């Protein structure tokens, strides 16, 4: 399987996660211009997992995805970030938030024929 790094959907998901983590880190860890080391590590780990997403361009939002990419500890941390930053994303990055809402309506379909 080839990495899905050239997928527009994956790129947008990475951008959305980065924005959410910046909002969360600024509010909870005092990150002004850059992410704290813990948030940076979580972002890099998440991006690495997205690179090998089996759904590629048909990727659903994480909450609807049948494939668990992360360990339970990381999932819990991401859930906390998304719960905080999701509603705030609408005011800070309305286009990304709207696209994320539209993506949440999609049903997952693998891009390969297996």
N, C-alpha and C. Protein backbone atom coordinates (compact mmCIF):
# COMPACT_ATOMS: atom_id res chain seq x y z
N UNK A 1 0.85 -1.18 0.00
CA UNK A 1 0.00 0.00 0.00
C UNK A 1 0.89 1.24 0.00
N UNK A 2 0.57 2.20 -0.81
CA UNK A 2 1.35 3.44 -0.89
C UNK A 2 0.79 4.46 0.08
N UNK A 3 1.65 5.34 0.61
CA UNK A 3 1.15 6.37 1.51
C UNK A 3 0.16 7.28 0.80
N UNK A 4 -0.80 7.78 1.55
CA UNK A 4 -1.84 8.65 0.99
C UNK A 4 -1.46 10.12 1.11
N UNK A 5 -0.17 10.42 1.05
CA UNK A 5 0.27 11.79 1.30
C UNK A 5 -0.16 12.77 0.22
N UNK A 6 -0.55 12.30 -0.94
CA UNK A 6 -0.94 13.22 -2.01
C UNK A 6 -2.44 13.42 -2.08
N UNK A 7 -3.17 12.85 -1.17
CA UNK A 7 -4.62 12.98 -1.15
C UNK A 7 -5.04 14.36 -0.64
N UNK A 8 -5.93 15.02 -1.36
CA UNK A 8 -6.43 16.32 -0.91
C UNK A 8 -7.17 16.19 0.41
N UNK A 9 -7.92 15.13 0.57
CA UNK A 9 -8.68 14.91 1.79
C UNK A 9 -7.74 14.73 2.98
N UNK A 10 -6.69 13.98 2.79
CA UNK A 10 -5.71 13.76 3.87
C UNK A 10 -5.01 15.07 4.21
N UNK A 11 -4.64 15.83 3.19
CA UNK A 11 -3.99 17.12 3.43
C UNK A 11 -4.89 18.05 4.24
N UNK A 12 -6.17 18.07 3.88
CA UNK A 12 -7.12 18.93 4.60
C UNK A 12 -7.32 18.43 6.04
N UNK A 13 -7.33 17.12 6.22
CA UNK A 13 -7.47 16.56 7.57
C UNK A 13 -6.26 16.95 8.43
N UNK A 14 -5.08 16.91 7.85
CA UNK A 14 -3.88 17.32 8.57
C UNK A 14 -3.96 18.80 8.96
N UNK A 15 -4.42 19.62 8.03
CA UNK A 15 -4.55 21.05 8.31
C UNK A 15 -5.57 21.30 9.42
N UNK A 16 -6.68 20.60 9.37
CA UNK A 16 -7.72 20.75 10.39
C UNK A 16 -7.20 20.33 11.76
N UNK A 17 -6.50 19.21 11.82
CA UNK A 17 -5.93 18.75 13.09
C UNK A 17 -4.89 19.73 13.64
N UNK A 18 -4.08 20.29 12.76
CA UNK A 18 -3.08 21.26 13.20
C UNK A 18 -3.76 22.50 13.79
N UNK A 19 -4.81 22.97 13.15
CA UNK A 19 -5.55 24.14 13.66
C UNK A 19 -6.19 23.81 15.01
N UNK A 20 -6.79 22.63 15.11
CA UNK A 20 -7.42 22.23 16.37
C UNK A 20 -6.39 22.13 17.50
N UNK A 21 -5.25 21.54 17.20
CA UNK A 21 -4.22 21.41 18.23
C UNK A 21 -3.64 22.77 18.63
N UNK A 22 -3.51 23.70 17.68
CA UNK A 22 -3.05 25.04 18.04
C UNK A 22 -4.03 25.72 18.99
N UNK A 23 -5.33 25.62 18.69
CA UNK A 23 -6.35 26.21 19.57
C UNK A 23 -6.28 25.59 20.96
N UNK A 24 -6.19 24.27 21.01
CA UNK A 24 -6.16 23.56 22.29
C UNK A 24 -4.89 23.89 23.08
N UNK A 25 -3.76 23.84 22.43
CA UNK A 25 -2.48 24.08 23.10
C UNK A 25 -2.40 25.51 23.64
N UNK A 26 -2.87 26.45 22.86
CA UNK A 26 -2.84 27.86 23.30
C UNK A 26 -3.68 28.03 24.56
N UNK A 27 -4.83 27.38 24.62
CA UNK A 27 -5.72 27.53 25.77
C UNK A 27 -5.28 26.71 26.98
N UNK A 28 -4.71 25.54 26.77
CA UNK A 28 -4.41 24.65 27.88
C UNK A 28 -2.94 24.59 28.28
N UNK A 29 -2.05 24.89 27.37
CA UNK A 29 -0.62 24.78 27.67
C UNK A 29 0.12 26.10 27.48
N UNK A 30 -0.59 27.15 27.14
CA UNK A 30 0.03 28.46 26.99
C UNK A 30 0.89 28.61 25.76
N UNK A 31 0.73 27.73 24.78
CA UNK A 31 1.51 27.83 23.55
C UNK A 31 1.13 29.10 22.79
N UNK A 32 2.06 29.99 22.63
CA UNK A 32 1.76 31.26 21.93
C UNK A 32 1.90 31.12 20.42
N UNK A 33 3.12 30.89 19.97
CA UNK A 33 3.36 30.82 18.52
C UNK A 33 3.54 29.40 18.02
N UNK A 34 3.97 28.51 18.89
CA UNK A 34 4.18 27.13 18.46
C UNK A 34 3.58 26.18 19.49
N UNK A 35 3.44 24.93 19.09
CA UNK A 35 2.89 23.92 19.97
C UNK A 35 3.89 23.52 21.04
N UNK A 36 3.38 23.12 22.20
CA UNK A 36 4.24 22.58 23.25
C UNK A 36 4.77 21.22 22.76
N UNK A 37 5.80 20.70 23.37
CA UNK A 37 6.36 19.42 22.91
C UNK A 37 5.35 18.27 22.90
N UNK A 38 4.46 18.19 23.88
CA UNK A 38 3.47 17.10 23.92
C UNK A 38 2.48 17.21 22.76
N UNK A 39 2.01 18.43 22.48
CA UNK A 39 1.07 18.63 21.38
C UNK A 39 1.75 18.42 20.03
N UNK A 40 3.01 18.84 19.93
CA UNK A 40 3.78 18.64 18.69
C UNK A 40 3.94 17.15 18.42
N UNK A 41 4.24 16.39 19.47
CA UNK A 41 4.41 14.94 19.32
C UNK A 41 3.10 14.28 18.89
N UNK A 42 1.98 14.70 19.49
CA UNK A 42 0.68 14.16 19.12
C UNK A 42 0.34 14.50 17.67
N UNK A 43 0.64 15.72 17.24
CA UNK A 43 0.37 16.13 15.86
C UNK A 43 1.22 15.32 14.88
N UNK A 44 2.49 15.16 15.16
CA UNK A 44 3.37 14.40 14.27
C UNK A 44 2.94 12.94 14.18
N UNK A 45 2.55 12.37 15.31
CA UNK A 45 2.09 10.98 15.32
C UNK A 45 0.80 10.84 14.50
N UNK A 46 -0.10 11.78 14.65
CA UNK A 46 -1.36 11.75 13.92
C UNK A 46 -1.12 11.91 12.42
N UNK A 47 -0.24 12.82 12.05
CA UNK A 47 0.08 13.01 10.63
C UNK A 47 0.69 11.74 10.04
N UNK A 48 1.55 11.10 10.81
CA UNK A 48 2.18 9.86 10.35
C UNK A 48 1.12 8.79 10.09
N UNK A 49 0.16 8.69 10.98
CA UNK A 49 -0.93 7.71 10.81
C UNK A 49 -1.79 8.05 9.59
N UNK A 50 -2.04 9.34 9.37
CA UNK A 50 -2.85 9.76 8.22
C UNK A 50 -2.16 9.44 6.89
N UNK A 51 -0.84 9.47 6.89
CA UNK A 51 -0.11 9.16 5.66
C UNK A 51 -0.41 7.76 5.13
N UNK A 52 -0.77 6.87 6.02
CA UNK A 52 -1.04 5.49 5.62
C UNK A 52 -2.51 5.10 5.80
N UNK A 53 -3.38 6.07 5.72
CA UNK A 53 -4.81 5.81 5.87
C UNK A 53 -5.30 4.93 4.71
N UNK A 54 -5.96 3.82 5.01
CA UNK A 54 -6.43 2.93 3.93
C UNK A 54 -7.58 3.53 3.11
N UNK A 55 -8.21 4.59 3.61
CA UNK A 55 -9.35 5.18 2.91
C UNK A 55 -8.95 6.27 1.93
N UNK A 56 -7.74 6.82 2.08
CA UNK A 56 -7.21 7.88 1.22
C UNK A 56 -8.22 9.00 1.01
N UNK A 57 -8.60 9.31 -0.23
CA UNK A 57 -9.51 10.43 -0.49
C UNK A 57 -10.91 10.21 0.05
N UNK A 58 -11.28 8.98 0.31
CA UNK A 58 -12.61 8.68 0.84
C UNK A 58 -12.61 8.63 2.37
N UNK A 59 -11.57 9.16 2.99
CA UNK A 59 -11.43 9.09 4.44
C UNK A 59 -12.59 9.80 5.13
N UNK A 60 -13.24 9.10 6.08
CA UNK A 60 -14.27 9.75 6.89
C UNK A 60 -13.61 10.52 8.03
N UNK A 61 -14.37 11.29 8.75
CA UNK A 61 -13.82 11.94 9.95
C UNK A 61 -13.50 10.84 10.96
N UNK A 62 -12.60 11.13 11.87
CA UNK A 62 -12.09 10.10 12.78
C UNK A 62 -13.18 9.41 13.59
N UNK A 63 -14.16 10.17 14.04
CA UNK A 63 -15.19 9.59 14.89
C UNK A 63 -16.03 8.55 14.15
N UNK A 64 -16.13 8.64 12.83
CA UNK A 64 -16.92 7.70 12.03
C UNK A 64 -16.07 6.62 11.38
N UNK A 65 -14.79 6.67 11.59
CA UNK A 65 -13.88 5.74 10.91
C UNK A 65 -13.91 4.36 11.58
N UNK A 66 -14.09 3.29 10.80
CA UNK A 66 -14.11 1.95 11.37
C UNK A 66 -12.70 1.41 11.68
N UNK A 67 -11.67 2.11 11.22
CA UNK A 67 -10.29 1.66 11.39
C UNK A 67 -9.63 2.49 12.49
N UNK A 68 -9.22 1.85 13.61
CA UNK A 68 -8.57 2.57 14.70
C UNK A 68 -7.09 2.73 14.39
N UNK A 69 -6.69 3.96 14.13
CA UNK A 69 -5.29 4.24 13.80
C UNK A 69 -4.43 4.43 15.04
N UNK A 70 -5.05 4.80 16.13
CA UNK A 70 -4.29 5.22 17.30
C UNK A 70 -4.51 4.29 18.49
N UNK A 71 -3.54 4.26 19.37
CA UNK A 71 -3.68 3.54 20.64
C UNK A 71 -4.76 4.25 21.47
N UNK A 72 -5.33 3.55 22.42
CA UNK A 72 -6.45 4.12 23.17
C UNK A 72 -6.06 5.40 23.91
N UNK A 73 -4.82 5.49 24.40
CA UNK A 73 -4.37 6.71 25.08
C UNK A 73 -4.37 7.90 24.13
N UNK A 74 -3.84 7.69 22.91
CA UNK A 74 -3.81 8.76 21.92
C UNK A 74 -5.21 9.13 21.47
N UNK A 75 -6.08 8.15 21.30
CA UNK A 75 -7.47 8.42 20.91
C UNK A 75 -8.16 9.28 21.96
N UNK A 76 -7.92 8.97 23.22
CA UNK A 76 -8.54 9.74 24.30
C UNK A 76 -8.03 11.19 24.28
N UNK A 77 -6.74 11.36 24.05
CA UNK A 77 -6.17 12.71 23.98
C UNK A 77 -6.72 13.48 22.78
N UNK A 78 -6.79 12.82 21.63
CA UNK A 78 -7.35 13.47 20.44
C UNK A 78 -8.82 13.83 20.64
N UNK A 79 -9.56 12.96 21.29
CA UNK A 79 -10.97 13.23 21.56
C UNK A 79 -11.11 14.49 22.42
N UNK A 80 -10.22 14.61 23.43
CA UNK A 80 -10.24 15.78 24.30
C UNK A 80 -9.95 17.06 23.51
N UNK A 81 -8.95 16.98 22.63
CA UNK A 81 -8.58 18.13 21.79
C UNK A 81 -9.75 18.52 20.88
N UNK A 82 -10.34 17.52 20.24
CA UNK A 82 -11.42 17.80 19.29
C UNK A 82 -12.68 18.33 19.98
N UNK A 83 -12.95 17.82 21.18
CA UNK A 83 -14.10 18.31 21.93
C UNK A 83 -13.95 19.79 22.27
N UNK A 84 -12.73 20.19 22.62
CA UNK A 84 -12.49 21.59 22.95
C UNK A 84 -12.45 22.45 21.69
N UNK A 85 -11.66 22.02 20.71
CA UNK A 85 -11.37 22.88 19.56
C UNK A 85 -12.43 22.85 18.47
N UNK A 86 -13.20 21.77 18.39
CA UNK A 86 -14.21 21.65 17.34
C UNK A 86 -15.16 22.83 17.25
N UNK A 87 -15.84 23.18 18.34
CA UNK A 87 -16.75 24.33 18.28
C UNK A 87 -16.03 25.65 18.02
N UNK A 88 -14.83 25.79 18.51
CA UNK A 88 -14.08 27.04 18.31
C UNK A 88 -13.53 27.16 16.89
N UNK A 89 -13.36 26.03 16.24
CA UNK A 89 -12.87 26.03 14.87
C UNK A 89 -13.82 26.78 13.94
N UNK A 90 -15.10 26.70 14.24
CA UNK A 90 -16.11 27.38 13.42
C UNK A 90 -15.86 28.89 13.37
N UNK A 91 -15.40 29.48 14.46
CA UNK A 91 -15.16 30.92 14.49
C UNK A 91 -13.78 31.30 13.98
N UNK A 92 -12.80 30.45 14.21
CA UNK A 92 -11.42 30.77 13.81
C UNK A 92 -11.11 30.39 12.37
N UNK A 93 -11.64 29.24 11.94
CA UNK A 93 -11.39 28.72 10.59
C UNK A 93 -12.69 28.20 10.01
N UNK A 94 -13.61 29.10 9.64
CA UNK A 94 -14.95 28.66 9.23
C UNK A 94 -14.96 27.73 8.01
N UNK A 95 -14.09 27.95 7.04
CA UNK A 95 -14.08 27.08 5.86
C UNK A 95 -13.65 25.66 6.22
N UNK A 96 -12.60 25.54 7.02
CA UNK A 96 -12.16 24.21 7.46
C UNK A 96 -13.26 23.52 8.27
N UNK A 97 -13.91 24.29 9.13
CA UNK A 97 -14.99 23.71 9.94
C UNK A 97 -16.14 23.24 9.07
N UNK A 98 -16.51 24.02 8.08
CA UNK A 98 -17.60 23.64 7.17
C UNK A 98 -17.23 22.39 6.38
N UNK A 99 -16.02 22.34 5.86
CA UNK A 99 -15.58 21.15 5.13
C UNK A 99 -15.53 19.92 6.04
N UNK A 100 -15.15 20.12 7.29
CA UNK A 100 -15.11 19.01 8.25
C UNK A 100 -16.54 18.50 8.51
N UNK A 101 -17.48 19.41 8.62
CA UNK A 101 -18.88 19.02 8.82
C UNK A 101 -19.39 18.24 7.61
N UNK A 102 -19.07 18.73 6.42
CA UNK A 102 -19.47 18.02 5.20
C UNK A 102 -18.83 16.63 5.13
N UNK A 103 -17.56 16.55 5.51
CA UNK A 103 -16.86 15.26 5.52
C UNK A 103 -17.49 14.29 6.52
N UNK A 104 -18.07 14.82 7.57
CA UNK A 104 -18.67 13.94 8.59
C UNK A 104 -19.92 13.24 8.06
N UNK A 105 -20.46 13.72 6.96
CA UNK A 105 -21.66 13.11 6.37
C UNK A 105 -21.32 11.95 5.45
N UNK A 106 -20.04 11.83 5.09
CA UNK A 106 -19.62 10.76 4.18
C UNK A 106 -19.52 9.44 4.92
N UNK A 107 -19.77 8.36 4.19
CA UNK A 107 -19.59 7.02 4.73
C UNK A 107 -18.28 6.47 4.22
N UNK A 108 -17.54 5.77 5.08
CA UNK A 108 -16.21 5.29 4.69
C UNK A 108 -16.27 4.23 3.60
N UNK A 109 -15.40 4.37 2.62
CA UNK A 109 -15.23 3.38 1.57
C UNK A 109 -13.75 3.26 1.28
N UNK A 110 -13.24 2.07 1.33
CA UNK A 110 -11.81 1.87 1.03
C UNK A 110 -11.54 2.19 -0.42
N UNK A 111 -10.40 2.79 -0.68
CA UNK A 111 -10.07 3.14 -2.06
C UNK A 111 -9.45 1.95 -2.80
N UNK A 112 -8.99 0.92 -2.06
CA UNK A 112 -8.47 -0.25 -2.74
C UNK A 112 -9.61 -1.26 -2.94
N UNK A 113 -9.38 -2.27 -3.73
CA UNK A 113 -10.45 -3.21 -4.07
C UNK A 113 -10.47 -4.45 -3.20
N UNK A 114 -9.89 -4.39 -2.00
CA UNK A 114 -9.87 -5.55 -1.10
C UNK A 114 -11.08 -5.60 -0.22
